[in-house]
C-alpha atoms as a PDB file:
ATOM      1  CA  MET A   1      92.508 120.985 109.596  1.00  0.00           C
ATOM      2  CA  LYS A   2      90.755 117.937 108.108  1.00  0.00           C
ATOM      3  CA  GLU A   3      89.794 119.858 104.941  1.00  0.00           C
ATOM      4  CA  ARG A   4      93.374 121.067 104.637  1.00  0.00           C
ATOM      5  CA  GLY A   5      94.616 117.457 104.809  1.00  0.00           C
ATOM      6  CA  VAL A   6      92.163 116.394 102.101  1.00  0.00           C
ATOM      7  CA  GLY A   7      93.258 119.272  99.874  1.00  0.00           C
ATOM      8  CA  THR A   8      96.906 118.322 100.353  1.00  0.00           C
ATOM      9  CA  GLY A   9      96.093 114.695  99.565  1.00  0.00           C
ATOM     10  CA  ILE A  10      94.311 115.628  96.330  1.00  0.00           C
ATOM     11  CA  PHE A  11      97.238 117.815  95.286  1.00  0.00           C
ATOM     12  CA  LEU A  12      99.762 115.016  95.979  1.00  0.00           C
ATOM     13  CA  ALA A  13      97.664 112.401  94.111  1.00  0.00           C
ATOM     14  CA  VAL A  14      97.305 114.572  91.006  1.00  0.00           C
ATOM     15  CA  LEU A  15     100.994 115.497  91.237  1.00  0.00           C
ATOM     16  CA  ALA A  16     101.917 111.786  91.350  1.00  0.00           C
ATOM     17  CA  ALA A  17      99.713 111.139  88.296  1.00  0.00           C
ATOM     18  CA  ALA A  18     101.264 114.044  86.397  1.00  0.00           C
ATOM     19  CA  PHE A  19     104.776 112.784  87.170  1.00  0.00           C
ATOM     20  CA  TYR A  20     103.993 109.251  85.978  1.00  0.00           C
ATOM     21  CA  SER A  21     102.247 110.471  82.816  1.00  0.00           C
ATOM     22  CA  VAL A  22     105.559 111.608  81.281  1.00  0.00           C
ATOM     23  CA  SER A  23     106.970 108.063  81.404  1.00  0.00           C
ATOM     24  CA  VAL A  24     105.504 106.551  78.214  1.00  0.00           C
ATOM     25  CA  PRO A  25     105.926 109.426  75.725  1.00  0.00           C
ATOM     26  CA  LEU A  26     109.465 110.313  76.899  1.00  0.00           C
ATOM     27  CA  SER A  27     110.512 106.647  77.009  1.00  0.00           C
ATOM     28  CA  LYS A  28     109.233 106.252  73.446  1.00  0.00           C
ATOM     29  CA  VAL A  29     111.570 109.060  72.357  1.00  0.00           C
ATOM     30  CA  LEU A  30     114.564 107.715  74.300  1.00  0.00           C
ATOM     31  CA  LEU A  31     114.141 104.159  72.951  1.00  0.00           C
ATOM     32  CA  ASP A  32     115.812 105.398  69.758  1.00  0.00           C
ATOM     33  CA  TYR A  33     119.013 105.944  71.763  1.00  0.00           C
ATOM     34  CA  MET A  34     119.041 103.075  74.295  1.00  0.00           C
ATOM     35  CA  PRO A  35     118.062  99.351  74.288  1.00  0.00           C
ATOM     36  CA  SER A  36     114.856  98.540  76.190  1.00  0.00           C
ATOM     37  CA  THR A  37     116.276  96.333  78.987  1.00  0.00           C
ATOM     38  CA  LEU A  38     119.061  98.759  79.856  1.00  0.00           C
ATOM     39  CA  MET A  39     116.535 101.592  79.784  1.00  0.00           C
ATOM     40  CA  ALA A  40     114.323  99.744  82.286  1.00  0.00           C
ATOM     41  CA  GLY A  41     117.342  99.431  84.577  1.00  0.00           C
ATOM     42  CA  PHE A  42     118.323 103.085  84.376  1.00  0.00           C
ATOM     43  CA  LEU A  43     114.700 104.192  84.924  1.00  0.00           C
ATOM     44  CA  TYR A  44     114.585 102.434  88.284  1.00  0.00           C
ATOM     45  CA  LEU A  45     118.144 103.435  89.172  1.00  0.00           C
ATOM     46  CA  GLY A  46     117.057 107.023  88.601  1.00  0.00           C
ATOM     47  CA  ALA A  47     114.213 106.501  91.069  1.00  0.00           C
ATOM     48  CA  GLY A  48     116.588 104.988  93.641  1.00  0.00           C
ATOM     49  CA  ALA A  49     119.199 107.716  93.156  1.00  0.00           C
ATOM     50  CA  GLY A  50     116.526 110.365  93.699  1.00  0.00           C
ATOM     51  CA  MET A  51     115.519 108.788  97.004  1.00  0.00           C
ATOM     52  CA  LEU A  52     119.192 108.642  98.055  1.00  0.00           C
ATOM     53  CA  LEU A  53     119.309 112.423  97.604  1.00  0.00           C
ATOM     54  CA  LEU A  54     115.993 112.944  99.369  1.00  0.00           C
ATOM     55  CA  ALA A  55     116.938 110.981 102.505  1.00  0.00           C
ATOM     56  CA  PRO A  56     119.761 113.348 103.646  1.00  0.00           C
ATOM     57  CA  LEU A  57     117.558 116.376 102.922  1.00  0.00           C
ATOM     58  CA  ARG A  58     114.898 114.952 105.207  1.00  0.00           C
ATOM     59  CA  ARG A  59     117.503 114.516 107.964  1.00  0.00           C
ATOM     60  CA  LEU A  60     118.876 118.044 107.457  1.00  0.00           C
ATOM     61  CA  LYS A  61     115.439 119.505 108.114  1.00  0.00           C
ATOM     62  CA  GLY A  62     115.337 117.514 111.314  1.00  0.00           C
ATOM     63  CA  ALA A  63     111.961 116.091 110.450  1.00  0.00           C
ATOM     64  CA  LYS A  64     110.857 113.271 112.726  1.00  0.00           C
ATOM     65  CA  THR A  65     108.950 111.129 110.283  1.00  0.00           C
ATOM     66  CA  GLY A  66     107.971 108.352 112.679  1.00  0.00           C
ATOM     67  CA  GLU A  67     108.050 105.941 109.726  1.00  0.00           C
ATOM     68  CA  GLN A  68     108.350 102.232 110.432  1.00  0.00           C
ATOM     69  CA  LYS A  69     111.312 100.365 108.980  1.00  0.00           C
ATOM     70  CA  LEU A  70     111.017  97.172 106.953  1.00  0.00           C
ATOM     71  CA  THR A  71     111.572  93.915 108.862  1.00  0.00           C
ATOM     72  CA  LYS A  72     112.316  90.283 107.953  1.00  0.00           C
ATOM     73  CA  ARG A  73     108.585  89.588 107.955  1.00  0.00           C
ATOM     74  CA  GLU A  74     108.141  91.760 104.848  1.00  0.00           C
ATOM     75  CA  LEU A  75     111.185  90.263 103.059  1.00  0.00           C
ATOM     76  CA  PRO A  76     109.194  87.881 100.769  1.00  0.00           C
ATOM     77  CA  TYR A  77     107.002  90.755  99.576  1.00  0.00           C
ATOM     78  CA  VAL A  78     110.021  93.016  99.017  1.00  0.00           C
ATOM     79  CA  ILE A  79     111.767  90.327  96.929  1.00  0.00           C
ATOM     80  CA  ALA A  80     108.585  89.769  94.905  1.00  0.00           C
ATOM     81  CA  MET A  81     108.262  93.535  94.310  1.00  0.00           C
ATOM     82  CA  ILE A  82     111.857  93.772  93.075  1.00  0.00           C
ATOM     83  CA  VAL A  83     111.495  90.802  90.680  1.00  0.00           C
ATOM     84  CA  LEU A  84     108.193  92.103  89.304  1.00  0.00           C
ATOM     85  CA  ASP A  85     109.650  95.601  88.920  1.00  0.00           C
ATOM     86  CA  ILE A  86     112.387  94.074  86.767  1.00  0.00           C
ATOM     87  CA  ALA A  87     109.926  92.238  84.523  1.00  0.00           C
ATOM     88  CA  ALA A  88     107.238  94.946  84.217  1.00  0.00           C
ATOM     89  CA  PRO A  89     109.221  97.858  82.695  1.00  0.00           C
ATOM     90  CA  VAL A  90     111.116  95.473  80.378  1.00  0.00           C
ATOM     91  CA  CYS A  91     107.776  94.235  79.008  1.00  0.00           C
ATOM     92  CA  LEU A  92     106.399  97.779  78.826  1.00  0.00           C
ATOM     93  CA  LEU A  93     109.361  99.198  76.914  1.00  0.00           C
ATOM     94  CA  PHE A  94     109.516  96.202  74.568  1.00  0.00           C
ATOM     95  CA  GLY A  95     105.825  96.667  73.788  1.00  0.00           C
ATOM     96  CA  LEU A  96     106.371 100.402  73.338  1.00  0.00           C
ATOM     97  CA  ARG A  97     108.632  99.649  70.371  1.00  0.00           C
ATOM     98  CA  TYR A  98     105.708  98.053  68.514  1.00  0.00           C
ATOM     99  CA  ALA A  99     102.777 100.220  69.654  1.00  0.00           C
ATOM    100  CA  THR A 100     101.916 103.913  69.647  1.00  0.00           C
ATOM    101  CA  ALA A 101     102.619 105.934  72.776  1.00  0.00           C
ATOM    102  CA  ALA A 102      98.955 107.001  72.979  1.00  0.00           C
ATOM    103  CA  ASN A 103      97.735 103.383  72.950  1.00  0.00           C
ATOM    104  CA  VAL A 104     100.318 102.298  75.536  1.00  0.00           C
ATOM    105  CA  SER A 105      99.399 105.196  77.839  1.00  0.00           C
ATOM    106  CA  LEU A 106      95.761 104.140  77.813  1.00  0.00           C
ATOM    107  CA  LEU A 107      96.514 100.407  78.076  1.00  0.00           C
ATOM    108  CA  ASN A 108      98.312 101.144  81.360  1.00  0.00           C
ATOM    109  CA  ASN A 109      94.900 101.311  83.043  1.00  0.00           C
ATOM    110  CA  PHE A 110      94.632  97.519  82.637  1.00  0.00           C
ATOM    111  CA  GLU A 111      96.639  97.564  85.848  1.00  0.00           C
ATOM    112  CA  ILE A 112      93.308  98.265  87.606  1.00  0.00           C
ATOM    113  CA  VAL A 113      91.930  94.956  86.320  1.00  0.00           C
ATOM    114  CA  ALA A 114      95.069  92.974  87.171  1.00  0.00           C
ATOM    115  CA  THR A 115      95.258  94.423  90.689  1.00  0.00           C
ATOM    116  CA  ALA A 116      91.603  93.604  91.439  1.00  0.00           C
ATOM    117  CA  VAL A 117      91.728  90.058  90.038  1.00  0.00           C
ATOM    118  CA  VAL A 118      94.910  89.200  91.974  1.00  0.00           C
ATOM    119  CA  ALA A 119      93.419  90.689  95.151  1.00  0.00           C
ATOM    120  CA  LEU A 120      90.357  88.437  94.691  1.00  0.00           C
ATOM    121  CA  ALA A 121      92.146  85.237  93.626  1.00  0.00           C
ATOM    122  CA  VAL A 122      95.178  85.353  95.942  1.00  0.00           C
ATOM    123  CA  PHE A 123      94.269  87.571  98.880  1.00  0.00           C
ATOM    124  CA  HIS A 124      90.510  86.754  98.854  1.00  0.00           C
ATOM    125  CA  GLU A 125      89.424  90.382  98.927  1.00  0.00           C
ATOM    126  CA  LYS A 126      85.827  91.231  98.111  1.00  0.00           C
ATOM    127  CA  ILE A 127      85.155  93.032  94.830  1.00  0.00           C
ATOM    128  CA  SER A 128      82.121  95.304  94.709  1.00  0.00           C
ATOM    129  CA  LEU A 129      79.591  95.429  91.878  1.00  0.00           C
ATOM    130  CA  ARG A 130      80.895  98.876  90.969  1.00  0.00           C
ATOM    131  CA  LEU A 131      84.454  97.577  90.588  1.00  0.00           C
ATOM    132  CA  TRP A 132      83.285  94.608  88.479  1.00  0.00           C
ATOM    133  CA  ALA A 133      81.515  97.092  86.174  1.00  0.00           C
ATOM    134  CA  GLY A 134      84.713  99.158  85.966  1.00  0.00           C
ATOM    135  CA  ILE A 135      86.760  96.041  85.169  1.00  0.00           C
ATOM    136  CA  LEU A 136      84.358  95.209  82.314  1.00  0.00           C
ATOM    137  CA  PHE A 137      84.709  98.664  80.728  1.00  0.00           C
ATOM    138  CA  VAL A 138      88.504  98.727  81.119  1.00  0.00           C
ATOM    139  CA  THR A 139      88.796  95.234  79.608  1.00  0.00           C
ATOM    140  CA  LEU A 140      86.612  96.176  76.617  1.00  0.00           C
ATOM    141  CA  SER A 141      88.726  99.286  76.055  1.00  0.00           C
ATOM    142  CA  CYS A 142      91.973  97.283  76.229  1.00  0.00           C
ATOM    143  CA  ALA A 143      90.553  94.715  73.792  1.00  0.00           C
ATOM    144  CA  LEU A 144      89.822  97.457  71.244  1.00  0.00           C
ATOM    145  CA  LEU A 145      93.275  98.991  71.711  1.00  0.00           C
ATOM    146  CA  SER A 146      94.961  95.602  71.323  1.00  0.00           C
ATOM    147  CA  PHE A 147      93.738  95.003  67.773  1.00  0.00           C
ATOM    148  CA  GLU A 148      95.599  96.649  64.907  1.00  0.00           C
ATOM    149  CA  ASP A 149      92.850  95.658  62.470  1.00  0.00           C
ATOM    150  CA  VAL A 150      89.488  94.918  64.097  1.00  0.00           C
ATOM    151  CA  SER A 151      87.874  93.728  60.841  1.00  0.00           C
ATOM    152  CA  GLY A 152      90.622  91.131  60.356  1.00  0.00           C
ATOM    153  CA  LEU A 153      91.099  90.460  64.110  1.00  0.00           C
ATOM    154  CA  GLN A 154      94.811  91.210  63.789  1.00  0.00           C
ATOM    155  CA  PHE A 155      96.225  91.409  67.314  1.00  0.00           C
ATOM    156  CA  SER A 156      98.876  93.986  68.190  1.00  0.00           C
ATOM    157  CA  PHE A 157     102.143  92.308  69.199  1.00  0.00           C
ATOM    158  CA  GLY A 158     103.220  95.305  71.285  1.00  0.00           C
ATOM    159  CA  SER A 159      99.943  95.389  73.227  1.00  0.00           C
ATOM    160  CA  LEU A 160     100.542  91.857  74.534  1.00  0.00           C
ATOM    161  CA  PHE A 161     103.757  92.979  76.242  1.00  0.00           C
ATOM    162  CA  VAL A 162     102.087  96.103  77.657  1.00  0.00           C
ATOM    163  CA  LEU A 163      99.293  93.973  79.135  1.00  0.00           C
ATOM    164  CA  ALA A 164     101.926  91.589  80.561  1.00  0.00           C
ATOM    165  CA  ALA A 165     103.588  94.584  82.235  1.00  0.00           C
ATOM    166  CA  CYS A 166     100.229  95.609  83.734  1.00  0.00           C
ATOM    167  CA  VAL A 167      99.738  92.092  85.130  1.00  0.00           C
ATOM    168  CA  CYS A 168     103.198  92.280  86.748  1.00  0.00           C
ATOM    169  CA  TRP A 169     102.370  95.663  88.272  1.00  0.00           C
ATOM    170  CA  GLY A 170      98.970  94.369  89.388  1.00  0.00           C
ATOM    171  CA  ILE A 171     100.654  91.584  91.378  1.00  0.00           C
ATOM    172  CA  GLU A 172     103.258  94.050  92.627  1.00  0.00           C
ATOM    173  CA  ASN A 173     100.526  96.432  93.849  1.00  0.00           C
ATOM    174  CA  ASN A 174      99.153  93.687  96.081  1.00  0.00           C
ATOM    175  CA  CYS A 175     102.646  93.011  97.452  1.00  0.00           C
ATOM    176  CA  THR A 176     103.135  96.736  98.059  1.00  0.00           C
ATOM    177  CA  ARG A 177      99.881  96.829 100.000  1.00  0.00           C
ATOM    178  CA  LYS A 178     101.427  94.401 102.482  1.00  0.00           C
ATOM    179  CA  VAL A 179     104.257  96.847 103.248  1.00  0.00           C
ATOM    180  CA  SER A 180     102.327 100.122 102.819  1.00  0.00           C
ATOM    181  CA  SER A 181     102.631 100.981 106.524  1.00  0.00           C
ATOM    182  CA  LYS A 182     106.434 101.180 106.193  1.00  0.00           C
ATOM    183  CA  ASP A 183     108.595 104.135 105.145  1.00  0.00           C
ATOM    184  CA  PRO A 184     107.769 104.941 101.467  1.00  0.00           C
ATOM    185  CA  LEU A 185     111.234 106.412 100.920  1.00  0.00           C
ATOM    186  CA  GLU A 186     112.845 103.135 101.991  1.00  0.00           C
ATOM    187  CA  ILE A 187     110.479 101.133  99.749  1.00  0.00           C
ATOM    188  CA  VAL A 188     111.196 103.229  96.648  1.00  0.00           C
ATOM    189  CA  LEU A 189     114.926 103.183  97.413  1.00  0.00           C
ATOM    190  CA  LEU A 190     115.075  99.373  97.608  1.00  0.00           C
ATOM    191  CA  LYS A 191     112.920  98.913  94.526  1.00  0.00           C
ATOM    192  CA  GLY A 192     114.939 101.447  92.561  1.00  0.00           C
ATOM    193  CA  ILE A 193     118.414 100.162  93.388  1.00  0.00           C
ATOM    194  CA  PHE A 194     117.792  96.404  93.208  1.00  0.00           C
ATOM    195  CA  SER A 195     115.259  96.365  90.355  1.00  0.00           C
ATOM    196  CA  GLY A 196     117.458  98.740  88.375  1.00  0.00           C
ATOM    197  CA  ALA A 197     120.610  96.672  88.999  1.00  0.00           C
ATOM    198  CA  GLY A 198     118.751  93.482  88.033  1.00  0.00           C
ATOM    199  CA  SER A 199     117.555  94.915  84.720  1.00  0.00           C
ATOM    200  CA  LEU A 200     121.043  96.247  83.943  1.00  0.00           C
ATOM    201  CA  CYS A 201     122.581  92.812  84.523  1.00  0.00           C
ATOM    202  CA  ILE A 202     120.023  91.139  82.257  1.00  0.00           C
ATOM    203  CA  GLY A 203     120.587  93.767  79.559  1.00  0.00           C
ATOM    204  CA  LEU A 204     124.358  93.337  79.641  1.00  0.00           C
ATOM    205  CA  ILE A 205     124.022  89.528  79.504  1.00  0.00           C
ATOM    206  CA  LEU A 206     121.777  89.923  76.427  1.00  0.00           C
ATOM    207  CA  GLY A 207     124.546  91.961  74.790  1.00  0.00           C
ATOM    208  CA  GLU A 208     122.908  95.380  75.064  1.00  0.00           C
ATOM    209  CA  ARG A 209     125.277  98.333  75.300  1.00  0.00           C
ATOM    210  CA  VAL A 210     124.984 102.086  75.922  1.00  0.00           C
ATOM    211  CA  GLN A 211     125.864 104.024  72.763  1.00  0.00           C
ATOM    212  CA  PHE A 212     125.223 107.569  73.979  1.00  0.00           C
ATOM    213  CA  LEU A 213     126.391 108.578  77.455  1.00  0.00           C
ATOM    214  CA  TRP A 214     123.932 111.479  77.646  1.00  0.00           C
ATOM    215  CA  SER A 215     121.037 109.026  77.275  1.00  0.00           C
ATOM    216  CA  VAL A 216     121.923 107.453  80.650  1.00  0.00           C
ATOM    217  CA  PHE A 217     121.362 110.757  82.471  1.00  0.00           C
ATOM    218  CA  ALA A 218     118.227 111.502  80.442  1.00  0.00           C
ATOM    219  CA  VAL A 219     116.669 108.112  81.248  1.00  0.00           C
ATOM    220  CA  MET A 220     117.614 108.355  84.937  1.00  0.00           C
ATOM    221  CA  GLY A 221     116.007 111.797  85.034  1.00  0.00           C
ATOM    222  CA  VAL A 222     112.773 110.347  83.644  1.00  0.00           C
ATOM    223  CA  GLY A 223     113.003 107.519  86.196  1.00  0.00           C
ATOM    224  CA  LEU A 224     113.489 109.972  89.067  1.00  0.00           C
ATOM    225  CA  VAL A 225     110.322 111.862  88.124  1.00  0.00           C
ATOM    226  CA  ALA A 226     108.052 109.175  86.636  1.00  0.00           C
ATOM    227  CA  TYR A 227     108.887 106.350  89.055  1.00  0.00           C
ATOM    228  CA  GLY A 228     110.631 107.749  92.153  1.00  0.00           C
ATOM    229  CA  LEU A 229     108.684 110.937  92.893  1.00  0.00           C
ATOM    230  CA  SER A 230     105.425 109.502  91.551  1.00  0.00           C
ATOM    231  CA  ILE A 231     105.460 106.489  93.905  1.00  0.00           C
ATOM    232  CA  PHE A 232     106.671 108.614  96.827  1.00  0.00           C
ATOM    233  CA  PHE A 233     103.856 111.180  96.509  1.00  0.00           C
ATOM    234  CA  TYR A 234     101.286 108.469  95.757  1.00  0.00           C
ATOM    235  CA  VAL A 235     101.969 106.675  99.055  1.00  0.00           C
ATOM    236  CA  HIS A 236     101.680 109.947 100.995  1.00  0.00           C
ATOM    237  CA  ALA A 237      98.439 110.862  99.200  1.00  0.00           C
ATOM    238  CA  GLN A 238      97.041 107.420 100.029  1.00  0.00           C
ATOM    239  CA  ARG A 239      97.567 108.081 103.733  1.00  0.00           C
ATOM    240  CA  LEU A 240      95.578 111.322 103.569  1.00  0.00           C
ATOM    241  CA  LEU A 241      92.776 110.224 101.220  1.00  0.00           C
ATOM    242  CA  GLY A 242      92.618 106.458 101.467  1.00  0.00           C
ATOM    243  CA  ALA A 243      93.174 103.973  98.649  1.00  0.00           C
ATOM    244  CA  ALA A 244      89.922 104.496  96.730  1.00  0.00           C
ATOM    245  CA  ARG A 245      89.981 108.292  96.562  1.00  0.00           C
ATOM    246  CA  THR A 246      93.702 108.371  95.737  1.00  0.00           C
ATOM    247  CA  SER A 247      93.116 105.957  92.847  1.00  0.00           C
ATOM    248  CA  ALA A 248      90.317 108.183  91.587  1.00  0.00           C
ATOM    249  CA  TYR A 249      92.711 111.100  91.137  1.00  0.00           C
ATOM    250  CA  TYR A 250      95.683 108.972  90.032  1.00  0.00           C
ATOM    251  CA  ALA A 251      93.572 107.417  87.241  1.00  0.00           C
ATOM    252  CA  VAL A 252      94.073 110.630  85.229  1.00  0.00           C
ATOM    253  CA  ALA A 253      97.707 109.597  84.541  1.00  0.00           C
ATOM    254  CA  PRO A 254      97.030 107.560  81.350  1.00  0.00           C
ATOM    255  CA  PHE A 255      94.875 110.350  79.953  1.00  0.00           C
ATOM    256  CA  LEU A 256      97.598 112.930  80.625  1.00  0.00           C
ATOM    257  CA  GLY A 257     100.075 110.536  78.979  1.00  0.00           C
ATOM    258  CA  THR A 258      97.824 110.298  75.923  1.00  0.00           C
ATOM    259  CA  LEU A 259      97.648 114.091  75.640  1.00  0.00           C
ATOM    260  CA  LEU A 260     101.442 114.384  75.929  1.00  0.00           C
ATOM    261  CA  SER A 261     101.894 111.661  73.288  1.00  0.00           C
ATOM    262  CA  VAL A 262      99.710 113.536  70.804  1.00  0.00           C
ATOM    263  CA  LEU A 263     101.551 116.808  71.499  1.00  0.00           C
ATOM    264  CA  ILE A 264     105.032 115.241  71.191  1.00  0.00           C
ATOM    265  CA  PHE A 265     104.508 112.973  68.182  1.00  0.00           C
ATOM    266  CA  ARG A 266     101.964 115.169  66.333  1.00  0.00           C
ATOM    267  CA  GLN A 267     100.005 112.068  65.374  1.00  0.00           C
ATOM    268  CA  LEU A 268      96.264 111.853  65.905  1.00  0.00           C
ATOM    269  CA  PRO A 269      94.989 108.416  66.983  1.00  0.00           C
ATOM    270  CA  ALA A 270      92.661 106.316  64.800  1.00  0.00           C
ATOM    271  CA  PRO A 271      88.862 106.806  65.215  1.00  0.00           C
ATOM    272  CA  LEU A 272      88.563 103.520  67.154  1.00  0.00           C
ATOM    273  CA  TYR A 273      90.926 104.958  69.761  1.00  0.00           C
ATOM    274  CA  TYR A 274      88.335 107.532  70.849  1.00  0.00           C
ATOM    275  CA  VAL A 275      85.762 104.783  71.444  1.00  0.00           C
ATOM    276  CA  ALA A 276      88.335 102.993  73.612  1.00  0.00           C
ATOM    277  CA  LEU A 277      89.111 106.297  75.362  1.00  0.00           C
ATOM    278  CA  ALA A 278      85.452 106.784  76.316  1.00  0.00           C
ATOM    279  CA  LEU A 279      85.172 103.192  77.596  1.00  0.00           C
ATOM    280  CA  MET A 280      88.393 103.601  79.574  1.00  0.00           C
ATOM    281  CA  ALA A 281      87.211 106.867  81.144  1.00  0.00           C
ATOM    282  CA  VAL A 282      83.993 105.200  82.355  1.00  0.00           C
ATOM    283  CA  GLY A 283      85.936 102.161  83.571  1.00  0.00           C
ATOM    284  CA  ALA A 284      88.489 104.260  85.460  1.00  0.00           C
ATOM    285  CA  TRP A 285      85.722 106.308  87.112  1.00  0.00           C
ATOM    286  CA  LEU A 286      83.832 103.180  88.187  1.00  0.00           C
ATOM    287  CA  SER A 287      86.964 101.399  89.419  1.00  0.00           C
ATOM    288  CA  ALA A 288      88.332 104.317  91.401  1.00  0.00           C
ATOM    289  CA  GLY A 289      85.130 105.425  93.116  1.00  0.00           C
ATOM    290  CA  ASP A 290      84.543 104.452  96.725  1.00  0.00           C
ATOM    291  CA  ARG A 291      80.755 104.820  96.551  1.00  0.00           C
ATOM    292  CA  PRO A 292      78.315 101.982  95.747  1.00  0.00           C
ATOM    293  CA  LEU A 293      77.109 101.594  92.146  1.00  0.00           C
ATOM    294  CA  PHE A 294      73.470 101.759  93.189  1.00  0.00           C
ATOM    295  CA  ARG A 295      72.186 103.773  96.108  1.00  0.00           C
ATOM    296  CA  ARG A 296      69.395 102.342  98.195  1.00  0.00           C
ATOM    297  CA  LYS A 297      66.734 104.734  99.315  1.00  0.00           C
ATOM    298  CA  LYS A 298      66.419 104.900 103.042  1.00  0.00           C
ATOM    299  CA  LYS A 299      62.979 104.076 104.312  1.00  0.00           C
ATOM    300  CA  GLU A 300      61.433 107.044 106.001  1.00  0.00           C
ATOM    301  CA  VAL A 301      60.298 106.196 109.482  1.00  0.00           C
ATOM    302  CA  PRO A 302      57.161 108.122 110.363  1.00  0.00           C
ATOM    303  CA  GLN A 303      57.725 110.307 113.338  1.00  0.00           C
ATOM    304  CA  GLU A 304      55.250 110.107 116.162  1.00  0.00           C
ATOM    305  CA  GLN A 305      53.296 113.283 116.691  1.00  0.00           C
ATOM    306  CA  PRO A 306      53.694 114.651 120.201  1.00  0.00           C
ATOM    307  CA  CYS A 307      50.519 114.295 122.205  1.00  0.00           C
ATOM    308  CA  ASP A 308      49.059 117.418 123.750  1.00  0.00           C
ATOM    309  CA  ARG A 309      48.628 116.834 127.445  1.00  0.00           C
ATOM    310  CA  GLN A 310      45.775 118.574 129.077  1.00  0.00           C
ATOM    311  CA  ASN A 311      46.286 119.335 132.677  1.00  0.00           C
END
């Protein structure tokens, strides 16, 4: 039964990663038909709408989930999550206008660094040597991806906004950890509805308007899959595998996003990208692993030889 639970957890973690991987390349396509702030709103509204549909289905099956409901104690963290989920996708989509989809997909792994640093600085969590090594590799990779011209040290404007989005999500991950014992469907529903409505209000105030009605349904569909279902399955996988092992499997999302970007846009990345890709792969592996970086050899204790007793 335990092995079956682990297998289910692995499947859900990889499924969550696959769902999220479609976000960047498809959003890049849809940005030609919708302003970035409104798109951020409809992405999260799509996630919330999906959870609204899922809740009645769960009741129809008569499933007793036993999930705990959110209380007033978690209210500050919920508000922080909603505000950060307004800022993060707006920054991401704005940066996506000025950077390639492949670069943005890979830069998303900077979220690992942001999450760890916030956990250390704010919540005083211990960071292992292995995680520090992973942070170093991820940071080096992001630095390479952030320069349009390394020889002239010309920094990519779009990359700055993508990194800002990762910082927002890194803080939000630590807030989410504080409410992780609660019902994931309720969490995604609140984040989707209120973060989406907040982004829509900001977009309308800025003068953004929807030009193509079909784009609203397309963006909400992407939000349902890439944000709603991804977060929902991720939380369930985390319960079966634990945080470290779930992250190990979920870390494939940026690499799947890169592959999709190349297939959709038919544009091969620059040679420097592959160096960054290798650094990012090592960094993601180090950051996600739950084993120590160096194994200590156990000292062998000599066993006492049994004495032959002569009667």
